[in-house]
Amino acid sequence: MLIGDVARRSGVSARMLRHYESLGLLRSADRTGAGYREYSSDDIRRIFHIESLRSLGLSLRDVRRALDDPGFAPSDLVDDLIRQTRERIADETELLTRLRRIGAAEPDGWEDVLQIVALLQALGSESAGKRQRAALSSVDAASVPTEALVEAALNETDANVAGALRWALAQSGDGGLGLLAEGLDSSVAEVRKRAVQSIAEMPSRKATALLQDALTNADIVVRRCAAMALGARGVADAVPTLIDMVVEDANDVDAADALSALASRPALADQIASRLVESLAHGVVESSARRRLTQALAEIPGTTASRALADLSHDEDRVVALTAAYILTTRDAR
């Protein structure tokens, strides 16, 4: 079969067939009386074998070894090809993500595109200082890809940069809440924590609703962070978790302060005091927990808290009794 016919049937150009010959992948073709290359059926079969191996990503050098070297085992080469392919997929995925973010930002011109690319590169920098500056400057940028800010916030390990990213997200509106909500269900504990911390700094009603949902999250760290944020917003749903934090000595001082802030609302003061009293009466509560609960009653106004403190001033636990008596004295003075 002449070279032109082989090229049409195999899809390999005549130029490439000549190149294969020059590399030794194909034997030098026989010639017709007129001097044209003529390929045998074995040559054509080898051409298809070459193309099949090339389709797997093999270099021409490895193709030749595979076809001519009986000792050339495919296992190591295939493993290497798998690794290279994964790396290419990761690179292409990263490029696709970057392009999608640029498209979502709807840039007006190439200056905007360049600004967005610079911001994305800075957010991915190895320098914490550069990442922090990028987060802070993103607020003034014409079009900031919110998705990029969320991803950076969920993966940031530097405390200062993380704070800057949470602030930037809070300034950007509710656009990132959906992605942050997904972060609450991440399989990685640190990502869940960063997600709830980011939501906690967003002042909108939608953010508050997400924090209320987070009170039932399987991750206790998420529940506690949500409760602290909700307490500052005056949401009564946070009360049970805040009291549990006092009992369990988990950031108990801040939890008690949050309860005090909630108790400034008369309708909640007696409810909070009653719940604290119920916890104090629980038989399995340790002595140290009873002392913390007693201290938490100090800033809860109302008769329910005062009566509870009066009873506790005669408690069998001397430290609890003295604490309650002292609190009563200061309450009377006020």
C-alpha atoms as a PDB file:
ATOM      1  CA  MET A   1       0.000   0.000   0.000  1.00  0.00           C
ATOM      2  CA  LEU A   2       1.407   3.386  -0.966  1.00  0.00           C
ATOM      3  CA  ILE A   3       2.131   6.049   1.638  1.00  0.00           C
ATOM      4  CA  GLY A   4      -0.828   8.240   0.628  1.00  0.00           C
ATOM      5  CA  ASP A   5      -3.275   5.352   1.033  1.00  0.00           C
ATOM      6  CA  VAL A   6      -1.764   4.412   4.404  1.00  0.00           C
ATOM      7  CA  ALA A   7      -2.069   8.017   5.592  1.00  0.00           C
ATOM      8  CA  ARG A   8      -5.755   8.200   4.629  1.00  0.00           C
ATOM      9  CA  ARG A   9      -6.667   4.864   6.248  1.00  0.00           C
ATOM     10  CA  SER A  10      -4.630   5.232   9.440  1.00  0.00           C
ATOM     11  CA  GLY A  11      -5.131   8.947  10.056  1.00  0.00           C
ATOM     12  CA  VAL A  12      -1.344   9.343  10.340  1.00  0.00           C
ATOM     13  CA  SER A  13       0.078  11.973   7.993  1.00  0.00           C
ATOM     14  CA  ALA A  14       2.662  11.064   5.396  1.00  0.00           C
ATOM     15  CA  ARG A  15       5.054  13.434   7.135  1.00  0.00           C
ATOM     16  CA  MET A  16       4.595  11.603  10.449  1.00  0.00           C
ATOM     17  CA  LEU A  17       5.101   8.232   8.758  1.00  0.00           C
ATOM     18  CA  ARG A  18       8.429   9.471   7.409  1.00  0.00           C
ATOM     19  CA  HIS A  19       9.286  10.695  10.929  1.00  0.00           C
ATOM     20  CA  TYR A  20       8.523   7.245  12.355  1.00  0.00           C
ATOM     21  CA  GLU A  21      10.923   5.764   9.809  1.00  0.00           C
ATOM     22  CA  SER A  22      13.654   8.246  10.730  1.00  0.00           C
ATOM     23  CA  LEU A  23      13.306   7.262  14.425  1.00  0.00           C
ATOM     24  CA  GLY A  24      13.373   3.571  13.643  1.00  0.00           C
ATOM     25  CA  LEU A  25       9.786   3.023  14.782  1.00  0.00           C
ATOM     26  CA  LEU A  26       8.972   1.786  11.274  1.00  0.00           C
ATOM     27  CA  ARG A  27      11.340  -0.117   9.039  1.00  0.00           C
ATOM     28  CA  SER A  28      12.339   1.681   5.887  1.00  0.00           C
ATOM     29  CA  ALA A  29       9.542   1.040   3.462  1.00  0.00           C
ATOM     30  CA  ASP A  30      10.085  -0.833   0.243  1.00  0.00           C
ATOM     31  CA  ARG A  31      10.006   1.231  -2.918  1.00  0.00           C
ATOM     32  CA  THR A  32       7.948   0.781  -6.055  1.00  0.00           C
ATOM     33  CA  GLY A  33       9.572   0.903  -9.462  1.00  0.00           C
ATOM     34  CA  ALA A  34       8.660   4.588  -9.551  1.00  0.00           C
ATOM     35  CA  GLY A  35      10.358   5.199  -6.196  1.00  0.00           C
ATOM     36  CA  TYR A  36       7.237   5.523  -3.991  1.00  0.00           C
ATOM     37  CA  ARG A  37       7.143   4.090  -0.476  1.00  0.00           C
ATOM     38  CA  GLU A  38       5.151   0.893  -0.221  1.00  0.00           C
ATOM     39  CA  TYR A  39       4.031  -0.580   3.089  1.00  0.00           C
ATOM     40  CA  SER A  40       3.264  -4.229   3.844  1.00  0.00           C
ATOM     41  CA  SER A  41       0.383  -5.484   5.996  1.00  0.00           C
ATOM     42  CA  ASP A  42       2.885  -5.962   8.878  1.00  0.00           C
ATOM     43  CA  ASP A  43       3.952  -2.322   8.541  1.00  0.00           C
ATOM     44  CA  ILE A  44       0.341  -1.163   8.659  1.00  0.00           C
ATOM     45  CA  ARG A  45      -0.335  -3.332  11.728  1.00  0.00           C
ATOM     46  CA  ARG A  46       2.680  -1.760  13.448  1.00  0.00           C
ATOM     47  CA  ILE A  47       1.447   1.738  12.583  1.00  0.00           C
ATOM     48  CA  PHE A  48      -1.835   1.011  14.342  1.00  0.00           C
ATOM     49  CA  HIS A  49       0.071  -0.409  17.341  1.00  0.00           C
ATOM     50  CA  ILE A  50       2.154   2.773  17.484  1.00  0.00           C
ATOM     51  CA  GLU A  51      -0.936   4.970  17.456  1.00  0.00           C
ATOM     52  CA  SER A  52      -2.661   2.842  20.099  1.00  0.00           C
ATOM     53  CA  LEU A  53       0.262   3.230  22.478  1.00  0.00           C
ATOM     54  CA  ARG A  54       0.572   6.937  21.742  1.00  0.00           C
ATOM     55  CA  SER A  55      -3.104   7.342  22.684  1.00  0.00           C
ATOM     56  CA  LEU A  56      -2.152   6.216  26.210  1.00  0.00           C
ATOM     57  CA  GLY A  57       0.330   9.066  26.492  1.00  0.00           C
ATOM     58  CA  LEU A  58       3.524   7.129  25.772  1.00  0.00           C
ATOM     59  CA  SER A  59       6.407   9.026  24.242  1.00  0.00           C
ATOM     60  CA  LEU A  60       7.725   7.782  20.901  1.00  0.00           C
ATOM     61  CA  ARG A  61      10.815   6.524  22.721  1.00  0.00           C
ATOM     62  CA  ASP A  62       8.677   4.421  25.080  1.00  0.00           C
ATOM     63  CA  VAL A  63       6.524   3.244  22.178  1.00  0.00           C
ATOM     64  CA  ARG A  64       9.601   1.849  20.471  1.00  0.00           C
ATOM     65  CA  ARG A  65      10.729   0.116  23.672  1.00  0.00           C
ATOM     66  CA  ALA A  66       7.270  -1.368  24.179  1.00  0.00           C
ATOM     67  CA  LEU A  67       7.221  -2.802  20.656  1.00  0.00           C
ATOM     68  CA  ASP A  68      10.841  -3.926  20.353  1.00  0.00           C
ATOM     69  CA  ASP A  69      12.144  -4.670  23.861  1.00  0.00           C
ATOM     70  CA  PRO A  70      10.749  -7.978  25.250  1.00  0.00           C
ATOM     71  CA  GLY A  71      12.057  -7.075  28.727  1.00  0.00           C
ATOM     72  CA  PHE A  72      10.223  -3.755  28.867  1.00  0.00           C
ATOM     73  CA  ALA A  73       7.395  -4.433  31.365  1.00  0.00           C
ATOM     74  CA  PRO A  74       4.320  -2.179  31.138  1.00  0.00           C
ATOM     75  CA  SER A  75       3.514  -2.023  34.882  1.00  0.00           C
ATOM     76  CA  ASP A  76       5.991   0.681  35.936  1.00  0.00           C
ATOM     77  CA  LEU A  77       5.325   2.768  32.849  1.00  0.00           C
ATOM     78  CA  VAL A  78       1.555   2.560  33.286  1.00  0.00           C
ATOM     79  CA  ASP A  79       1.852   3.649  36.929  1.00  0.00           C
ATOM     80  CA  ASP A  80       3.962   6.605  35.816  1.00  0.00           C
ATOM     81  CA  LEU A  81       1.411   7.502  33.144  1.00  0.00           C
ATOM     82  CA  ILE A  82      -1.359   7.401  35.740  1.00  0.00           C
ATOM     83  CA  ARG A  83       0.624   9.793  37.945  1.00  0.00           C
ATOM     84  CA  GLN A  84       1.304  12.169  35.076  1.00  0.00           C
ATOM     85  CA  THR A  85      -2.335  12.087  33.999  1.00  0.00           C
ATOM     86  CA  ARG A  86      -3.516  12.902  37.510  1.00  0.00           C
ATOM     87  CA  GLU A  87      -1.116  15.829  37.634  1.00  0.00           C
ATOM     88  CA  ARG A  88      -2.423  17.116  34.306  1.00  0.00           C
ATOM     89  CA  ILE A  89      -6.020  16.742  35.472  1.00  0.00           C
ATOM     90  CA  ALA A  90      -5.202  18.652  38.677  1.00  0.00           C
ATOM     91  CA  ASP A  91      -3.551  21.428  36.661  1.00  0.00           C
ATOM     92  CA  GLU A  92      -6.463  21.612  34.228  1.00  0.00           C
ATOM     93  CA  THR A  93      -8.977  21.586  37.081  1.00  0.00           C
ATOM     94  CA  GLU A  94      -7.141  24.453  38.749  1.00  0.00           C
ATOM     95  CA  LEU A  95      -7.182  26.384  35.479  1.00  0.00           C
ATOM     96  CA  LEU A  96     -10.900  25.670  35.010  1.00  0.00           C
ATOM     97  CA  THR A  97     -11.633  26.879  38.542  1.00  0.00           C
ATOM     98  CA  ARG A  98      -9.673  30.073  37.950  1.00  0.00           C
ATOM     99  CA  LEU A  99     -11.455  30.749  34.653  1.00  0.00           C
ATOM    100  CA  ARG A 100     -14.849  30.070  36.223  1.00  0.00           C
ATOM    101  CA  ARG A 101     -14.107  32.527  39.008  1.00  0.00           C
ATOM    102  CA  ILE A 102     -12.992  35.185  36.568  1.00  0.00           C
ATOM    103  CA  GLY A 103     -16.169  34.616  34.552  1.00  0.00           C
ATOM    104  CA  ALA A 104     -18.359  34.848  37.661  1.00  0.00           C
ATOM    105  CA  ALA A 105     -16.782  38.213  38.495  1.00  0.00           C
ATOM    106  CA  GLU A 106     -18.039  39.552  35.141  1.00  0.00           C
ATOM    107  CA  PRO A 107     -15.003  41.763  34.420  1.00  0.00           C
ATOM    108  CA  ASP A 108     -15.637  44.804  32.230  1.00  0.00           C
ATOM    109  CA  GLY A 109     -12.229  44.738  30.568  1.00  0.00           C
ATOM    110  CA  TRP A 110      -8.808  43.174  30.580  1.00  0.00           C
ATOM    111  CA  GLU A 111      -7.638  45.485  33.374  1.00  0.00           C
ATOM    112  CA  ASP A 112     -10.279  43.885  35.603  1.00  0.00           C
ATOM    113  CA  VAL A 113      -9.175  40.425  34.476  1.00  0.00           C
ATOM    114  CA  LEU A 114      -5.561  41.195  35.357  1.00  0.00           C
ATOM    115  CA  GLN A 115      -6.619  42.560  38.750  1.00  0.00           C
ATOM    116  CA  ILE A 116      -8.610  39.401  39.517  1.00  0.00           C
ATOM    117  CA  VAL A 117      -5.747  37.136  38.417  1.00  0.00           C
ATOM    118  CA  ALA A 118      -3.338  39.078  40.628  1.00  0.00           C
ATOM    119  CA  LEU A 119      -5.725  38.744  43.573  1.00  0.00           C
ATOM    120  CA  LEU A 120      -6.141  34.992  43.049  1.00  0.00           C
ATOM    121  CA  GLN A 121      -2.384  34.538  42.843  1.00  0.00           C
ATOM    122  CA  ALA A 122      -1.856  36.562  46.025  1.00  0.00           C
ATOM    123  CA  LEU A 123      -4.499  34.545  47.898  1.00  0.00           C
ATOM    124  CA  GLY A 124      -2.586  31.386  46.971  1.00  0.00           C
ATOM    125  CA  SER A 125       0.828  32.804  47.861  1.00  0.00           C
ATOM    126  CA  GLU A 126       3.138  30.978  50.271  1.00  0.00           C
ATOM    127  CA  SER A 127       3.649  34.292  52.078  1.00  0.00           C
ATOM    128  CA  ALA A 128       1.143  34.899  54.874  1.00  0.00           C
ATOM    129  CA  GLY A 129       1.724  38.636  54.540  1.00  0.00           C
ATOM    130  CA  LYS A 130       0.787  38.593  50.857  1.00  0.00           C
ATOM    131  CA  ARG A 131      -2.326  36.530  51.566  1.00  0.00           C
ATOM    132  CA  GLN A 132      -3.383  38.940  54.289  1.00  0.00           C
ATOM    133  CA  ARG A 133      -2.858  42.002  52.098  1.00  0.00           C
ATOM    134  CA  ALA A 134      -4.820  40.325  49.305  1.00  0.00           C
ATOM    135  CA  ALA A 135      -7.722  39.628  51.657  1.00  0.00           C
ATOM    136  CA  LEU A 136      -7.798  43.200  52.939  1.00  0.00           C
ATOM    137  CA  SER A 137      -7.485  44.726  49.473  1.00  0.00           C
ATOM    138  CA  SER A 138     -10.186  42.483  48.019  1.00  0.00           C
ATOM    139  CA  VAL A 139     -12.858  44.709  49.539  1.00  0.00           C
ATOM    140  CA  ASP A 140     -11.757  47.613  47.337  1.00  0.00           C
ATOM    141  CA  ALA A 141     -11.405  45.478  44.210  1.00  0.00           C
ATOM    142  CA  ALA A 142     -13.908  46.038  41.422  1.00  0.00           C
ATOM    143  CA  SER A 143     -15.050  42.418  41.217  1.00  0.00           C
ATOM    144  CA  VAL A 144     -13.982  39.927  43.846  1.00  0.00           C
ATOM    145  CA  PRO A 145     -14.661  36.203  43.223  1.00  0.00           C
ATOM    146  CA  THR A 146     -16.501  35.308  46.435  1.00  0.00           C
ATOM    147  CA  GLU A 147     -15.848  31.628  45.826  1.00  0.00           C
ATOM    148  CA  ALA A 148     -12.116  32.295  45.999  1.00  0.00           C
ATOM    149  CA  LEU A 149     -12.473  34.146  49.320  1.00  0.00           C
ATOM    150  CA  VAL A 150     -14.537  31.301  50.789  1.00  0.00           C
ATOM    151  CA  GLU A 151     -12.062  28.648  49.665  1.00  0.00           C
ATOM    152  CA  ALA A 152      -9.190  30.667  51.106  1.00  0.00           C
ATOM    153  CA  ALA A 153     -11.035  31.194  54.408  1.00  0.00           C
ATOM    154  CA  LEU A 154     -11.854  27.498  54.766  1.00  0.00           C
ATOM    155  CA  ASN A 155      -8.246  26.450  54.190  1.00  0.00           C
ATOM    156  CA  GLU A 156      -6.274  29.243  55.884  1.00  0.00           C
ATOM    157  CA  THR A 157      -4.082  28.144  58.804  1.00  0.00           C
ATOM    158  CA  ASP A 158      -2.568  31.513  59.752  1.00  0.00           C
ATOM    159  CA  ALA A 159      -4.724  33.222  62.400  1.00  0.00           C
ATOM    160  CA  ASN A 160      -4.105  36.769  61.142  1.00  0.00           C
ATOM    161  CA  VAL A 161      -4.822  35.901  57.520  1.00  0.00           C
ATOM    162  CA  ALA A 162      -7.908  33.933  58.546  1.00  0.00           C
ATOM    163  CA  GLY A 163      -9.229  36.966  60.417  1.00  0.00           C
ATOM    164  CA  ALA A 164      -8.676  39.183  57.384  1.00  0.00           C
ATOM    165  CA  LEU A 165     -10.475  36.706  55.138  1.00  0.00           C
ATOM    166  CA  ARG A 166     -13.466  36.475  57.497  1.00  0.00           C
ATOM    167  CA  TRP A 167     -13.650  40.268  57.565  1.00  0.00           C
ATOM    168  CA  ALA A 168     -13.510  40.425  53.761  1.00  0.00           C
ATOM    169  CA  LEU A 169     -16.303  37.863  53.494  1.00  0.00           C
ATOM    170  CA  ALA A 170     -18.431  39.812  55.963  1.00  0.00           C
ATOM    171  CA  GLN A 171     -18.028  42.895  53.762  1.00  0.00           C
ATOM    172  CA  SER A 172     -18.968  41.004  50.601  1.00  0.00           C
ATOM    173  CA  GLY A 173     -22.585  40.290  51.551  1.00  0.00           C
ATOM    174  CA  ASP A 174     -24.343  36.934  51.615  1.00  0.00           C
ATOM    175  CA  GLY A 175     -22.864  35.585  48.388  1.00  0.00           C
ATOM    176  CA  GLY A 176     -20.558  33.167  50.175  1.00  0.00           C
ATOM    177  CA  LEU A 177     -23.080  31.772  52.663  1.00  0.00           C
ATOM    178  CA  GLY A 178     -24.048  28.811  50.484  1.00  0.00           C
ATOM    179  CA  LEU A 179     -20.435  27.638  50.188  1.00  0.00           C
ATOM    180  CA  LEU A 180     -19.805  28.266  53.884  1.00  0.00           C
ATOM    181  CA  ALA A 181     -22.891  26.166  54.710  1.00  0.00           C
ATOM    182  CA  GLU A 182     -21.340  23.327  52.720  1.00  0.00           C
ATOM    183  CA  GLY A 183     -18.192  23.792  54.789  1.00  0.00           C
ATOM    184  CA  LEU A 184     -20.179  23.030  57.957  1.00  0.00           C
ATOM    185  CA  ASP A 185     -20.652  19.479  56.655  1.00  0.00           C
ATOM    186  CA  SER A 186     -17.023  18.981  55.626  1.00  0.00           C
ATOM    187  CA  SER A 187     -15.304  15.764  56.655  1.00  0.00           C
ATOM    188  CA  VAL A 188     -12.418  17.895  57.988  1.00  0.00           C
ATOM    189  CA  ALA A 189     -12.947  19.275  61.502  1.00  0.00           C
ATOM    190  CA  GLU A 190     -10.812  22.376  60.941  1.00  0.00           C
ATOM    191  CA  VAL A 191     -12.790  23.282  57.828  1.00  0.00           C
ATOM    192  CA  ARG A 192     -16.059  22.998  59.786  1.00  0.00           C
ATOM    193  CA  LYS A 193     -14.649  25.256  62.491  1.00  0.00           C
ATOM    194  CA  ARG A 194     -13.480  27.874  59.974  1.00  0.00           C
ATOM    195  CA  ALA A 195     -16.849  27.764  58.232  1.00  0.00           C
ATOM    196  CA  VAL A 196     -18.838  28.510  61.388  1.00  0.00           C
ATOM    197  CA  GLN A 197     -16.353  31.199  62.439  1.00  0.00           C
ATOM    198  CA  SER A 198     -16.793  32.900  59.068  1.00  0.00           C
ATOM    199  CA  ILE A 199     -20.578  32.735  59.260  1.00  0.00           C
ATOM    200  CA  ALA A 200     -20.446  34.122  62.807  1.00  0.00           C
ATOM    201  CA  GLU A 201     -18.893  37.351  61.508  1.00  0.00           C
ATOM    202  CA  MET A 202     -21.588  37.901  58.891  1.00  0.00           C
ATOM    203  CA  PRO A 203     -24.382  40.059  60.331  1.00  0.00           C
ATOM    204  CA  SER A 204     -27.267  39.144  58.028  1.00  0.00           C
ATOM    205  CA  ARG A 205     -30.476  37.311  58.887  1.00  0.00           C
ATOM    206  CA  LYS A 206     -29.475  34.489  56.573  1.00  0.00           C
ATOM    207  CA  ALA A 207     -26.249  34.059  58.530  1.00  0.00           C
ATOM    208  CA  THR A 208     -28.232  33.991  61.784  1.00  0.00           C
ATOM    209  CA  ALA A 209     -30.489  31.286  60.354  1.00  0.00           C
ATOM    210  CA  LEU A 210     -27.451  29.203  59.405  1.00  0.00           C
ATOM    211  CA  LEU A 211     -26.040  29.593  62.912  1.00  0.00           C
ATOM    212  CA  GLN A 212     -29.349  28.426  64.384  1.00  0.00           C
ATOM    213  CA  ASP A 213     -29.192  25.342  62.182  1.00  0.00           C
ATOM    214  CA  ALA A 214     -25.599  24.826  63.313  1.00  0.00           C
ATOM    215  CA  LEU A 215     -26.802  24.365  66.913  1.00  0.00           C
ATOM    216  CA  THR A 216     -27.761  20.811  65.906  1.00  0.00           C
ATOM    217  CA  ASN A 217     -24.516  20.092  64.044  1.00  0.00           C
ATOM    218  CA  ALA A 218     -22.817  16.820  64.949  1.00  0.00           C
ATOM    219  CA  ASP A 219     -19.577  18.712  65.685  1.00  0.00           C
ATOM    220  CA  ILE A 220     -19.613  20.110  69.223  1.00  0.00           C
ATOM    221  CA  VAL A 221     -17.064  22.800  68.266  1.00  0.00           C
ATOM    222  CA  VAL A 222     -19.458  24.058  65.583  1.00  0.00           C
ATOM    223  CA  ARG A 223     -22.378  24.050  68.044  1.00  0.00           C
ATOM    224  CA  ARG A 224     -20.446  26.006  70.644  1.00  0.00           C
ATOM    225  CA  CYS A 225     -19.151  28.604  68.191  1.00  0.00           C
ATOM    226  CA  ALA A 226     -22.669  29.049  66.796  1.00  0.00           C
ATOM    227  CA  ALA A 227     -24.094  29.458  70.309  1.00  0.00           C
ATOM    228  CA  MET A 228     -21.576  32.167  71.192  1.00  0.00           C
ATOM    229  CA  ALA A 229     -22.396  34.104  68.032  1.00  0.00           C
ATOM    230  CA  LEU A 230     -26.132  33.718  68.543  1.00  0.00           C
ATOM    231  CA  GLY A 231     -25.865  34.817  72.166  1.00  0.00           C
ATOM    232  CA  ALA A 232     -24.272  38.063  71.000  1.00  0.00           C
ATOM    233  CA  ARG A 233     -27.195  38.495  68.595  1.00  0.00           C
ATOM    234  CA  GLY A 234     -29.782  37.982  71.322  1.00  0.00           C
ATOM    235  CA  VAL A 235     -31.087  34.659  70.020  1.00  0.00           C
ATOM    236  CA  ALA A 236     -32.580  32.582  72.840  1.00  0.00           C
ATOM    237  CA  ASP A 237     -32.000  29.284  71.028  1.00  0.00           C
ATOM    238  CA  ALA A 238     -28.365  29.507  72.133  1.00  0.00           C
ATOM    239  CA  VAL A 239     -29.159  29.250  75.860  1.00  0.00           C
ATOM    240  CA  PRO A 240     -29.020  25.430  76.315  1.00  0.00           C
ATOM    241  CA  THR A 241     -25.650  25.154  74.548  1.00  0.00           C
ATOM    242  CA  LEU A 242     -24.227  28.114  76.470  1.00  0.00           C
ATOM    243  CA  ILE A 243     -25.242  26.530  79.783  1.00  0.00           C
ATOM    244  CA  ASP A 244     -23.659  23.239  78.693  1.00  0.00           C
ATOM    245  CA  MET A 245     -20.463  25.169  77.999  1.00  0.00           C
ATOM    246  CA  VAL A 246     -20.485  26.515  81.554  1.00  0.00           C
ATOM    247  CA  VAL A 247     -21.042  23.014  82.944  1.00  0.00           C
ATOM    248  CA  GLU A 248     -18.336  21.463  80.773  1.00  0.00           C
ATOM    249  CA  ASP A 249     -15.789  24.243  81.430  1.00  0.00           C
ATOM    250  CA  ALA A 250     -15.600  25.021  77.708  1.00  0.00           C
ATOM    251  CA  ASN A 251     -14.894  28.725  77.334  1.00  0.00           C
ATOM    252  CA  ASP A 252     -17.211  29.058  80.333  1.00  0.00           C
ATOM    253  CA  VAL A 253     -16.451  32.710  81.146  1.00  0.00           C
ATOM    254  CA  ASP A 254     -17.416  33.892  77.666  1.00  0.00           C
ATOM    255  CA  ALA A 255     -20.453  31.619  77.713  1.00  0.00           C
ATOM    256  CA  ALA A 256     -21.553  33.121  81.035  1.00  0.00           C
ATOM    257  CA  ASP A 257     -21.094  36.624  79.588  1.00  0.00           C
ATOM    258  CA  ALA A 258     -23.268  35.647  76.623  1.00  0.00           C
ATOM    259  CA  LEU A 259     -25.955  34.388  79.008  1.00  0.00           C
ATOM    260  CA  SER A 260     -25.764  37.672  80.894  1.00  0.00           C
ATOM    261  CA  ALA A 261     -26.225  39.627  77.674  1.00  0.00           C
ATOM    262  CA  LEU A 262     -29.260  37.534  76.781  1.00  0.00           C
ATOM    263  CA  ALA A 263     -30.658  37.991  80.306  1.00  0.00           C
ATOM    264  CA  SER A 264     -30.737  41.757  79.796  1.00  0.00           C
ATOM    265  CA  ARG A 265     -34.024  41.043  78.069  1.00  0.00           C
ATOM    266  CA  PRO A 266     -36.557  40.716  80.927  1.00  0.00           C
ATOM    267  CA  ALA A 267     -38.482  37.983  79.139  1.00  0.00           C
ATOM    268  CA  LEU A 268     -35.384  35.789  79.073  1.00  0.00           C
ATOM    269  CA  ALA A 269     -33.847  36.517  82.478  1.00  0.00           C
ATOM    270  CA  ASP A 270     -36.061  34.181  84.502  1.00  0.00           C
ATOM    271  CA  GLN A 271     -35.911  31.474  81.824  1.00  0.00           C
ATOM    272  CA  ILE A 272     -32.122  31.505  81.902  1.00  0.00           C
ATOM    273  CA  ALA A 273     -32.053  31.532  85.699  1.00  0.00           C
ATOM    274  CA  SER A 274     -34.462  28.568  85.809  1.00  0.00           C
ATOM    275  CA  ARG A 275     -32.296  26.593  83.410  1.00  0.00           C
ATOM    276  CA  LEU A 276     -29.194  27.313  85.486  1.00  0.00           C
ATOM    277  CA  VAL A 277     -31.026  26.173  88.616  1.00  0.00           C
ATOM    278  CA  GLU A 278     -32.102  22.971  86.851  1.00  0.00           C
ATOM    279  CA  SER A 279     -28.498  22.265  85.945  1.00  0.00           C
ATOM    280  CA  LEU A 280     -27.407  22.898  89.527  1.00  0.00           C
ATOM    281  CA  ALA A 281     -29.997  20.431  90.790  1.00  0.00           C
ATOM    282  CA  HIS A 282     -28.781  17.725  88.419  1.00  0.00           C
ATOM    283  CA  GLY A 283     -27.270  14.975  90.530  1.00  0.00           C
ATOM    284  CA  VAL A 284     -24.380  14.138  88.198  1.00  0.00           C
ATOM    285  CA  VAL A 285     -23.023  17.702  87.985  1.00  0.00           C
ATOM    286  CA  GLU A 286     -19.561  17.872  89.518  1.00  0.00           C
ATOM    287  CA  SER A 287     -18.689  20.278  92.326  1.00  0.00           C
ATOM    288  CA  SER A 288     -16.545  22.467  90.066  1.00  0.00           C
ATOM    289  CA  ALA A 289     -19.403  22.721  87.561  1.00  0.00           C
ATOM    290  CA  ARG A 290     -21.821  23.760  90.337  1.00  0.00           C
ATOM    291  CA  ARG A 291     -19.424  26.552  91.273  1.00  0.00           C
ATOM    292  CA  ARG A 292     -19.292  27.803  87.694  1.00  0.00           C
ATOM    293  CA  LEU A 293     -23.087  27.686  87.426  1.00  0.00           C
ATOM    294  CA  THR A 294     -23.354  29.669  90.647  1.00  0.00           C
ATOM    295  CA  GLN A 295     -20.972  32.288  89.273  1.00  0.00           C
ATOM    296  CA  ALA A 296     -23.022  32.421  86.070  1.00  0.00           C
ATOM    297  CA  LEU A 297     -26.093  33.371  88.145  1.00  0.00           C
ATOM    298  CA  ALA A 298     -24.276  36.479  89.363  1.00  0.00           C
ATOM    299  CA  GLU A 299     -25.104  38.562  86.273  1.00  0.00           C
ATOM    300  CA  ILE A 300     -28.622  37.225  85.748  1.00  0.00           C
ATOM    301  CA  PRO A 301     -31.156  39.797  86.993  1.00  0.00           C
ATOM    302  CA  GLY A 302     -34.541  38.962  88.492  1.00  0.00           C
ATOM    303  CA  THR A 303     -36.118  37.261  91.472  1.00  0.00           C
ATOM    304  CA  THR A 304     -35.575  33.725  90.195  1.00  0.00           C
ATOM    305  CA  ALA A 305     -31.799  34.185  90.207  1.00  0.00           C
ATOM    306  CA  SER A 306     -31.892  35.938  93.602  1.00  0.00           C
ATOM    307  CA  ARG A 307     -33.918  33.139  95.208  1.00  0.00           C
ATOM    308  CA  ALA A 308     -31.587  30.526  93.735  1.00  0.00           C
ATOM    309  CA  LEU A 309     -28.569  32.346  95.137  1.00  0.00           C
ATOM    310  CA  ALA A 310     -30.221  32.641  98.553  1.00  0.00           C
ATOM    311  CA  ASP A 311     -30.732  28.860  98.598  1.00  0.00           C
ATOM    312  CA  LEU A 312     -27.189  28.236  97.381  1.00  0.00           C
ATOM    313  CA  SER A 313     -25.766  30.387 100.201  1.00  0.00           C
ATOM    314  CA  HIS A 314     -26.647  27.422 102.455  1.00  0.00           C
ATOM    315  CA  ASP A 315     -25.282  24.796 100.082  1.00  0.00           C
ATOM    316  CA  GLU A 316     -23.375  21.799 101.440  1.00  0.00           C
ATOM    317  CA  ASP A 317     -20.451  22.750  99.207  1.00  0.00           C
ATOM    318  CA  ARG A 318     -18.748  25.481 101.226  1.00  0.00           C
ATOM    319  CA  VAL A 319     -17.214  27.146  98.155  1.00  0.00           C
ATOM    320  CA  VAL A 320     -20.609  27.260  96.421  1.00  0.00           C
ATOM    321  CA  ALA A 321     -22.226  28.660  99.587  1.00  0.00           C
ATOM    322  CA  LEU A 322     -19.595  31.364 100.054  1.00  0.00           C
ATOM    323  CA  THR A 323     -19.723  32.291  96.362  1.00  0.00           C
ATOM    324  CA  ALA A 324     -23.519  32.607  96.455  1.00  0.00           C
ATOM    325  CA  ALA A 325     -23.425  34.663  99.662  1.00  0.00           C
ATOM    326  CA  TYR A 326     -20.842  37.052  98.195  1.00  0.00           C
ATOM    327  CA  ILE A 327     -22.874  37.453  94.993  1.00  0.00           C
ATOM    328  CA  LEU A 328     -25.983  38.243  97.035  1.00  0.00           C
ATOM    329  CA  THR A 329     -24.077  40.925  98.909  1.00  0.00           C
ATOM    330  CA  THR A 330     -22.956  42.598  95.697  1.00  0.00           C
ATOM    331  CA  ARG A 331     -26.463  42.323  94.230  1.00  0.00           C
ATOM    332  CA  ASP A 332     -27.932  44.002  97.332  1.00  0.00           C
ATOM    333  CA  ALA A 333     -25.325  46.754  97.061  1.00  0.00           C
ATOM    334  CA  ARG A 334     -26.307  47.411  93.437  1.00  0.00           C
END
